[in-house]
Each structure stands twice: as C-alpha cells, then as structure tokens.
Amino acid sequence: MFQRNTLTTNFHDIYIMNSDGTDVQPLIGTGAYEFRPSWSPDCSKVAYDALASGESDIYVYVVP
C-alpha cells in the first residue's frame, strides 16, 4: 500500500499493488489529500489521515 500524487486531480490517493509491483489499483481516492495509510492487524481496514475539511482528520476505510 502506498500514496501517490495523481496529476489529474493533484491530490494524494492511496493505492495497492502486488508485491512484484504489478496491478496497481486505487484503494482510496476521495478527492481529498490522503496520506499515512496503515493496515489493521487483520488487513480488513486501513486507517489514514486526510485533509478533507482543511484540517487533518483520521479516517478508517473497510476493505471490501
């Protein structure tokens, strides 16, 4: 899991990929600046910071 800046939106989004670097897919892309993602111990959730309201808030995303 990693964050990267997308040139089309100019925001950082959170992505996942295979361990060999293939199959890069967006995991969280809300249109806010998302950063510092961290898996839960059982990998069912991702906690991350986002600047959605002008301040940094912590969010939890449930992985489908």
Protein backbone atom coordinates (compact mmCIF):
# COMPACT_ATOMS: atom_id res chain seq x y z
CA MET A 1 0.00 0.00 0.00
CA PHE A 2 1.30 3.45 -0.84
CA GLN A 3 0.21 7.01 -1.53
CA ARG A 4 0.94 8.92 -4.70
CA ASN A 5 0.08 12.24 -6.24
CA THR A 6 -2.17 11.93 -9.25
CA LEU A 7 -1.52 14.62 -11.83
CA THR A 8 -5.15 14.73 -12.94
CA THR A 9 -6.50 15.65 -9.50
CA ASN A 10 -3.32 16.98 -7.82
CA PHE A 11 -4.25 15.07 -4.65
CA HIS A 12 -2.53 12.19 -2.93
CA ASP A 13 -4.55 8.98 -3.14
CA ILE A 14 -3.90 5.58 -1.58
CA TYR A 15 -3.10 2.64 -3.84
CA ILE A 16 -2.43 -1.07 -3.53
CA MET A 17 -0.37 -3.35 -5.76
CA ASN A 18 1.07 -6.83 -5.96
CA SER A 19 4.40 -7.42 -4.20
CA ASP A 20 6.17 -7.53 -7.59
CA GLY A 21 4.89 -4.02 -8.47
CA THR A 22 2.19 -5.12 -10.93
CA ASP A 23 -1.56 -4.49 -10.88
CA VAL A 24 -1.51 -1.01 -9.29
CA GLN A 25 -5.07 -0.09 -8.26
CA PRO A 26 -6.55 2.83 -6.34
CA LEU A 27 -7.84 1.84 -2.91
CA ILE A 28 -8.91 5.21 -1.52
CA GLY A 29 -9.47 8.26 -3.70
CA THR A 30 -11.95 10.67 -2.19
CA GLY A 31 -10.75 13.88 -3.80
CA ALA A 32 -9.06 14.88 -0.54
CA TYR A 33 -5.36 14.71 0.29
CA GLU A 34 -4.95 11.21 1.80
CA PHE A 35 -1.70 10.20 3.45
CA ARG A 36 -0.05 7.94 6.06
CA PRO A 37 -2.06 4.76 5.36
CA SER A 38 -1.75 1.87 7.80
CA TRP A 39 -3.29 -1.62 7.67
CA SER A 40 -5.18 -3.03 10.65
CA PRO A 41 -3.57 -6.21 12.07
CA ASP A 42 -6.07 -8.44 10.21
CA CYS A 43 -5.84 -6.35 6.96
CA SER A 44 -9.60 -5.74 6.93
CA LYS A 45 -9.29 -1.98 7.40
CA VAL A 46 -6.99 0.90 6.51
CA ALA A 47 -6.55 3.89 8.80
CA TYR A 48 -5.31 7.06 7.10
CA ASP A 49 -5.07 10.80 7.53
CA ALA A 50 -6.85 13.14 5.15
CA LEU A 51 -7.18 16.86 4.65
CA ALA A 52 -10.87 16.75 3.73
CA SER A 53 -12.12 19.69 5.79
CA GLY A 54 -9.00 21.83 5.77
CA GLU A 55 -7.66 20.06 8.84
CA SER A 56 -6.03 16.68 9.21
CA ASP A 57 -8.51 14.03 10.36
CA ILE A 58 -8.15 10.28 10.80
CA TYR A 59 -10.42 8.01 8.78
CA VAL A 60 -10.95 4.27 8.59
CA TYR A 61 -11.69 2.50 5.32
CA VAL A 62 -13.20 -1.01 5.43
CA VAL A 63 -11.59 -3.10 2.70
CA PRO A 64 -14.26 -4.91 0.66
